[in-house]
């Protein structure tokens, strides 16, 4: 998917991976990936919470619309 969005192929991803490995070293790389994973997880949780709140509010608005007081 990443390659479809930015037009990056396999060789380019390999070069980027090697550069990241050289910059952060083998010992820091797992820590970096854990941080990235937890950040993505937090983002997805926040997104899901917002989506559920919007759905709940839409249901309430539909109920009010169908049953005026």
PDB file of N, CA and C in Angstrom:
ATOM      1  N   UNK A   1       0.830  -1.194   0.000  1.00  0.00           N
ATOM      2  CA  UNK A   1       0.000   0.000   0.000  1.00  0.00           C
ATOM      3  C   UNK A   1       0.867   1.246   0.000  1.00  0.00           C
ATOM      4  N   UNK A   2       1.925   1.227   0.812  1.00  0.00           N
ATOM      5  CA  UNK A   2       2.824   2.373   0.876  1.00  0.00           C
ATOM      6  C   UNK A   2       3.418   2.659  -0.489  1.00  0.00           C
ATOM      7  N   UNK A   3       3.796   1.586  -1.185  1.00  0.00           N
ATOM      8  CA  UNK A   3       4.407   1.772  -2.494  1.00  0.00           C
ATOM      9  C   UNK A   3       3.399   2.293  -3.509  1.00  0.00           C
ATOM     10  N   UNK A   4       2.121   1.966  -3.335  1.00  0.00           N
ATOM     11  CA  UNK A   4       1.102   2.464  -4.249  1.00  0.00           C
ATOM     12  C   UNK A   4       0.870   3.958  -4.057  1.00  0.00           C
ATOM     13  N   UNK A   5       0.951   4.413  -2.822  1.00  0.00           N
ATOM     14  CA  UNK A   5       0.681   5.816  -2.541  1.00  0.00           C
ATOM     15  C   UNK A   5       1.831   6.704  -3.000  1.00  0.00           C
ATOM     16  N   UNK A   6       3.070   6.314  -2.656  1.00  0.00           N
ATOM     17  CA  UNK A   6       4.210   7.170  -2.919  1.00  0.00           C
ATOM     18  C   UNK A   6       5.027   6.740  -4.128  1.00  0.00           C
ATOM     19  N   UNK A   7       4.649   5.665  -4.792  1.00  0.00           N
ATOM     20  CA  UNK A   7       5.368   5.214  -5.965  1.00  0.00           C
ATOM     21  C   UNK A   7       6.742   4.660  -5.647  1.00  0.00           C
ATOM     22  N   UNK A   8       6.897   4.076  -4.459  1.00  0.00           N
ATOM     23  CA  UNK A   8       8.182   3.530  -4.046  1.00  0.00           C
ATOM     24  C   UNK A   8       8.161   2.030  -4.281  1.00  0.00           C
ATOM     25  N   UNK A   9       9.202   1.531  -4.923  1.00  0.00           N
ATOM     26  CA  UNK A   9       9.288   0.108  -5.211  1.00  0.00           C
ATOM     27  C   UNK A   9      10.082  -0.642  -4.157  1.00  0.00           C
ATOM     28  N   UNK A  10      10.327  -1.911  -4.408  1.00  0.00           N
ATOM     29  CA  UNK A  10      11.030  -2.762  -3.465  1.00  0.00           C
ATOM     30  C   UNK A  10      12.466  -2.340  -3.215  1.00  0.00           C
ATOM     31  N   UNK A  11      13.174  -1.951  -4.276  1.00  0.00           N
ATOM     32  CA  UNK A  11      14.572  -1.538  -4.109  1.00  0.00           C
ATOM     33  C   UNK A  11      14.673  -0.265  -3.280  1.00  0.00           C
ATOM     34  N   UNK A  12      13.781   0.664  -3.508  1.00  0.00           N
ATOM     35  CA  UNK A  12      13.808   1.909  -2.752  1.00  0.00           C
ATOM     36  C   UNK A  12      13.525   1.650  -1.272  1.00  0.00           C
ATOM     37  N   UNK A  13      12.564   0.754  -0.988  1.00  0.00           N
ATOM     38  CA  UNK A  13      12.267   0.426   0.403  1.00  0.00           C
ATOM     39  C   UNK A  13      13.462  -0.245   1.070  1.00  0.00           C
ATOM     40  N   UNK A  14      14.181  -1.079   0.336  1.00  0.00           N
ATOM     41  CA  UNK A  14      15.371  -1.731   0.869  1.00  0.00           C
ATOM     42  C   UNK A  14      16.447  -0.697   1.201  1.00  0.00           C
ATOM     43  N   UNK A  15      16.655   0.256   0.325  1.00  0.00           N
ATOM     44  CA  UNK A  15      17.654   1.302   0.569  1.00  0.00           C
ATOM     45  C   UNK A  15      17.243   2.137   1.781  1.00  0.00           C
ATOM     46  N   UNK A  16      15.966   2.488   1.885  1.00  0.00           N
ATOM     47  CA  UNK A  16      15.485   3.260   3.036  1.00  0.00           C
ATOM     48  C   UNK A  16      15.689   2.459   4.318  1.00  0.00           C
ATOM     49  N   UNK A  17      15.398   1.162   4.273  1.00  0.00           N
ATOM     50  CA  UNK A  17      15.602   0.307   5.446  1.00  0.00           C
ATOM     51  C   UNK A  17      17.063   0.255   5.871  1.00  0.00           C
ATOM     52  N   UNK A  18      17.963   0.158   4.915  1.00  0.00           N
ATOM     53  CA  UNK A  18      19.398   0.139   5.238  1.00  0.00           C
ATOM     54  C   UNK A  18      19.851   1.465   5.839  1.00  0.00           C
ATOM     55  N   UNK A  19      19.352   2.559   5.310  1.00  0.00           N
ATOM     56  CA  UNK A  19      19.705   3.877   5.852  1.00  0.00           C
ATOM     57  C   UNK A  19      19.210   4.008   7.287  1.00  0.00           C
ATOM     58  N   UNK A  20      17.986   3.570   7.547  1.00  0.00           N
ATOM     59  CA  UNK A  20      17.447   3.617   8.909  1.00  0.00           C
ATOM     60  C   UNK A  20      18.283   2.742   9.830  1.00  0.00           C
ATOM     61  N   UNK A  21      18.672   1.569   9.365  1.00  0.00           N
ATOM     62  CA  UNK A  21      19.505   0.673  10.166  1.00  0.00           C
ATOM     63  C   UNK A  21      20.848   1.315  10.493  1.00  0.00           C
ATOM     64  N   UNK A  22      21.438   1.995   9.519  1.00  0.00           N
ATOM     65  CA  UNK A  22      22.722   2.671   9.761  1.00  0.00           C
ATOM     66  C   UNK A  22      22.564   3.849  10.720  1.00  0.00           C
ATOM     67  N   UNK A  23      21.459   4.572  10.598  1.00  0.00           N
ATOM     68  CA  UNK A  23      21.257   5.747  11.454  1.00  0.00           C
ATOM     69  C   UNK A  23      21.002   5.363  12.904  1.00  0.00           C
ATOM     70  N   UNK A  24      20.153   4.367  13.129  1.00  0.00           N
ATOM     71  CA  UNK A  24      19.741   4.042  14.489  1.00  0.00           C
ATOM     72  C   UNK A  24      20.483   2.852  15.071  1.00  0.00           C
ATOM     73  N   UNK A  25      21.104   2.047  14.256  1.00  0.00           N
ATOM     74  CA  UNK A  25      21.822   0.878  14.744  1.00  0.00           C
ATOM     75  C   UNK A  25      20.872  -0.273  15.036  1.00  0.00           C
ATOM     76  N   UNK A  26      21.440  -1.458  15.135  1.00  0.00           N
ATOM     77  CA  UNK A  26      20.649  -2.658  15.347  1.00  0.00           C
ATOM     78  C   UNK A  26      19.990  -2.708  16.710  1.00  0.00           C
ATOM     79  N   UNK A  27      20.594  -2.080  17.716  1.00  0.00           N
ATOM     80  CA  UNK A  27      20.040  -2.134  19.072  1.00  0.00           C
ATOM     81  C   UNK A  27      18.880  -1.177  19.248  1.00  0.00           C
ATOM     82  N   UNK A  28      18.900  -0.055  18.593  1.00  0.00           N
ATOM     83  CA  UNK A  28      17.834   0.946  18.730  1.00  0.00           C
ATOM     84  C   UNK A  28      16.642   0.669  17.825  1.00  0.00           C
ATOM     85  N   UNK A  29      16.847  -0.109  16.782  1.00  0.00           N
ATOM     86  CA  UNK A  29      15.791  -0.354  15.806  1.00  0.00           C
ATOM     87  C   UNK A  29      14.558  -1.026  16.412  1.00  0.00           C
ATOM     88  N   UNK A  30      14.688  -2.079  17.232  1.00  0.00           N
ATOM     89  CA  UNK A  30      13.488  -2.667  17.831  1.00  0.00           C
ATOM     90  C   UNK A  30      12.723  -1.682  18.717  1.00  0.00           C
ATOM     91  N   UNK A  31      13.463  -0.855  19.453  1.00  0.00           N
ATOM     92  CA  UNK A  31      12.822   0.162  20.300  1.00  0.00           C
ATOM     93  C   UNK A  31      12.070   1.177  19.443  1.00  0.00           C
ATOM     94  N   UNK A  32      12.656   1.559  18.336  1.00  0.00           N
ATOM     95  CA  UNK A  32      12.018   2.495  17.414  1.00  0.00           C
ATOM     96  C   UNK A  32      10.743   1.903  16.830  1.00  0.00           C
ATOM     97  N   UNK A  33      10.796   0.635  16.443  1.00  0.00           N
ATOM     98  CA  UNK A  33       9.623  -0.029  15.864  1.00  0.00           C
ATOM     99  C   UNK A  33       8.514  -0.208  16.897  1.00  0.00           C
ATOM    100  N   UNK A  34       8.882  -0.506  18.162  1.00  0.00           N
ATOM    101  CA  UNK A  34       7.871  -0.611  19.222  1.00  0.00           C
ATOM    102  C   UNK A  34       7.175   0.719  19.419  1.00  0.00           C
ATOM    103  N   UNK A  35       7.954   1.794  19.433  1.00  0.00           N
ATOM    104  CA  UNK A  35       7.375   3.128  19.584  1.00  0.00           C
ATOM    105  C   UNK A  35       6.460   3.469  18.422  1.00  0.00           C
ATOM    106  N   UNK A  36       6.879   3.122  17.229  1.00  0.00           N
ATOM    107  CA  UNK A  36       6.055   3.367  16.052  1.00  0.00           C
ATOM    108  C   UNK A  36       4.768   2.559  16.115  1.00  0.00           C
ATOM    109  N   UNK A  37       4.877   1.296  16.529  1.00  0.00           N
ATOM    110  CA  UNK A  37       3.691   0.441  16.648  1.00  0.00           C
ATOM    111  C   UNK A  37       2.716   0.953  17.684  1.00  0.00           C
ATOM    112  N   UNK A  38       3.232   1.396  18.829  1.00  0.00           N
ATOM    113  CA  UNK A  38       2.329   1.905  19.868  1.00  0.00           C
ATOM    114  C   UNK A  38       1.684   3.214  19.423  1.00  0.00           C
ATOM    115  N   UNK A  39       2.399   4.020  18.686  1.00  0.00           N
ATOM    116  CA  UNK A  39       1.816   5.260  18.176  1.00  0.00           C
ATOM    117  C   UNK A  39       0.695   4.984  17.184  1.00  0.00           C
ATOM    118  N   UNK A  40       0.910   4.028  16.311  1.00  0.00           N
ATOM    119  CA  UNK A  40      -0.129   3.654  15.339  1.00  0.00           C
ATOM    120  C   UNK A  40      -1.339   3.079  16.063  1.00  0.00           C
ATOM    121  N   UNK A  41      -1.085   2.264  17.093  1.00  0.00           N
ATOM    122  CA  UNK A  41      -2.174   1.665  17.869  1.00  0.00           C
ATOM    123  C   UNK A  41      -2.998   2.748  18.572  1.00  0.00           C
ATOM    124  N   UNK A  42      -2.326   3.727  19.175  1.00  0.00           N
ATOM    125  CA  UNK A  42      -3.028   4.827  19.838  1.00  0.00           C
ATOM    126  C   UNK A  42      -3.848   5.632  18.833  1.00  0.00           C
ATOM    127  N   UNK A  43      -3.284   5.889  17.672  1.00  0.00           N
ATOM    128  CA  UNK A  43      -4.002   6.633  16.640  1.00  0.00           C
ATOM    129  C   UNK A  43      -5.264   5.886  16.216  1.00  0.00           C
ATOM    130  N   UNK A  44      -5.134   4.573  15.989  1.00  0.00           N
ATOM    131  CA  UNK A  44      -6.297   3.772  15.581  1.00  0.00           C
ATOM    132  C   UNK A  44      -7.353   3.716  16.673  1.00  0.00           C
ATOM    133  N   UNK A  45      -6.931   3.619  17.940  1.00  0.00           N
ATOM    134  CA  UNK A  45      -7.895   3.630  19.044  1.00  0.00           C
ATOM    135  C   UNK A  45      -8.650   4.953  19.099  1.00  0.00           C
ATOM    136  N   UNK A  46      -7.933   6.055  18.956  1.00  0.00           N
ATOM    137  CA  UNK A  46      -8.583   7.368  18.973  1.00  0.00           C
ATOM    138  C   UNK A  46      -9.545   7.506  17.792  1.00  0.00           C
ATOM    139  N   UNK A  47      -9.131   7.035  16.634  1.00  0.00           N
ATOM    140  CA  UNK A  47      -9.988   7.097  15.449  1.00  0.00           C
ATOM    141  C   UNK A  47     -11.261   6.287  15.655  1.00  0.00           C
ATOM    142  N   UNK A  48     -11.121   5.085  16.216  1.00  0.00           N
ATOM    143  CA  UNK A  48     -12.286   4.239  16.467  1.00  0.00           C
ATOM    144  C   UNK A  48     -13.218   4.867  17.493  1.00  0.00           C
ATOM    145  N   UNK A  49     -12.663   5.499  18.528  1.00  0.00           N
ATOM    146  CA  UNK A  49     -13.495   6.166  19.525  1.00  0.00           C
ATOM    147  C   UNK A  49     -14.288   7.311  18.905  1.00  0.00           C
ATOM    148  N   UNK A  50     -13.642   8.089  18.071  1.00  0.00           N
ATOM    149  CA  UNK A  50     -14.326   9.206  17.422  1.00  0.00           C
ATOM    150  C   UNK A  50     -15.419   8.695  16.496  1.00  0.00           C
ATOM    151  N   UNK A  51     -15.124   7.629  15.742  1.00  0.00           N
ATOM    152  CA  UNK A  51     -16.130   7.064  14.836  1.00  0.00           C
ATOM    153  C   UNK A  51     -17.342   6.555  15.612  1.00  0.00           C
ATOM    154  N   UNK A  52     -17.106   5.896  16.741  1.00  0.00           N
ATOM    155  CA  UNK A  52     -18.236   5.369  17.513  1.00  0.00           C
ATOM    156  C   UNK A  52     -19.058   6.508  18.112  1.00  0.00           C
ATOM    157  N   UNK A  53     -18.407   7.577  18.566  1.00  0.00           N
ATOM    158  CA  UNK A  53     -19.144   8.723  19.095  1.00  0.00           C
ATOM    159  C   UNK A  53     -19.993   9.384  18.013  1.00  0.00           C
ATOM    160  N   UNK A  54     -19.439   9.506  16.824  1.00  0.00           N
ATOM    161  CA  UNK A  54     -20.189  10.112  15.725  1.00  0.00           C
ATOM    162  C   UNK A  54     -21.391   9.237  15.366  1.00  0.00           C
ATOM    163  N   UNK A  55     -21.203   7.921  15.327  1.00  0.00           N
ATOM    164  CA  UNK A  55     -22.328   7.018  15.036  1.00  0.00           C
ATOM    165  C   UNK A  55     -23.421   7.129  16.091  1.00  0.00           C
ATOM    166  N   UNK A  56     -23.029   7.176  17.366  1.00  0.00           N
ATOM    167  CA  UNK A  56     -24.010   7.312  18.448  1.00  0.00           C
ATOM    168  C   UNK A  56     -24.789   8.613  18.317  1.00  0.00           C
ATOM    169  N   UNK A  57     -24.084   9.690  18.013  1.00  0.00           N
ATOM    170  CA  UNK A  57     -24.762  10.984  17.859  1.00  0.00           C
ATOM    171  C   UNK A  57     -25.692  10.991  16.655  1.00  0.00           C
ATOM    172  N   UNK A  58     -25.275  10.319  15.584  1.00  0.00           N
ATOM    173  CA  UNK A  58     -26.139  10.239  14.403  1.00  0.00           C
ATOM    174  C   UNK A  58     -27.410   9.452  14.721  1.00  0.00           C
ATOM    175  N   UNK A  59     -27.280   8.367  15.504  1.00  0.00           N
ATOM    176  CA  UNK A  59     -28.451   7.589  15.900  1.00  0.00           C
ATOM    177  C   UNK A  59     -29.394   8.436  16.753  1.00  0.00           C
ATOM    178  N   UNK A  60     -28.833   9.206  17.686  1.00  0.00           N
ATOM    179  CA  UNK A  60     -29.660  10.071  18.529  1.00  0.00           C
ATOM    180  C   UNK A  60     -30.383  11.121  17.695  1.00  0.00           C
ATOM    181  N   UNK A  61     -29.687  11.693  16.721  1.00  0.00           N
ATOM    182  CA  UNK A  61     -30.320  12.698  15.862  1.00  0.00           C
ATOM    183  C   UNK A  61     -31.437  12.093  15.032  1.00  0.00           C
ATOM    184  N   UNK A  62     -31.225  10.874  14.547  1.00  0.00           N
ATOM    185  CA  UNK A  62     -32.275  10.193  13.775  1.00  0.00           C
ATOM    186  C   UNK A  62     -33.489   9.908  14.653  1.00  0.00           C
ATOM    187  N   UNK A  63     -33.268   9.495  15.904  1.00  0.00           N
ATOM    188  CA  UNK A  63     -34.376   9.249  16.822  1.00  0.00           C
ATOM    189  C   UNK A  63     -35.158  10.527  17.074  1.00  0.00           C
ATOM    190  N   UNK A  64     -34.451  11.630  17.302  1.00  0.00           N
ATOM    191  CA  UNK A  64     -35.119  12.917  17.523  1.00  0.00           C
ATOM    192  C   UNK A  64     -35.887  13.365  16.283  1.00  0.00           C
ATOM    193  N   UNK A  65     -35.307  13.100  15.136  1.00  0.00           N
ATOM    194  CA  UNK A  65     -35.952  13.487  13.878  1.00  0.00           C
ATOM    195  C   UNK A  65     -37.228  12.696  13.656  1.00  0.00           C
ATOM    196  N   UNK A  66     -37.205  11.397  13.967  1.00  0.00           N
ATOM    197  CA  UNK A  66     -38.368  10.534  13.757  1.00  0.00           C
ATOM    198  C   UNK A  66     -39.423  10.673  14.851  1.00  0.00           C
ATOM    199  N   UNK A  67     -39.022  11.048  16.043  1.00  0.00           N
ATOM    200  CA  UNK A  67     -39.943  11.189  17.171  1.00  0.00           C
ATOM    201  C   UNK A  67     -39.853  12.591  17.756  1.00  0.00           C
ATOM    202  N   UNK A  68     -40.418  13.585  17.090  1.00  0.00           N
ATOM    203  CA  UNK A  68     -40.329  14.951  17.632  1.00  0.00           C
ATOM    204  C   UNK A  68     -41.110  15.067  18.932  1.00  0.00           C
ATOM    205  N   UNK A  69     -40.598  15.838  19.848  1.00  0.00           N
ATOM    206  CA  UNK A  69     -41.232  15.970  21.169  1.00  0.00           C
ATOM    207  C   UNK A  69     -42.337  16.962  21.197  1.00  0.00           C
TER     208      UNK A  69
END
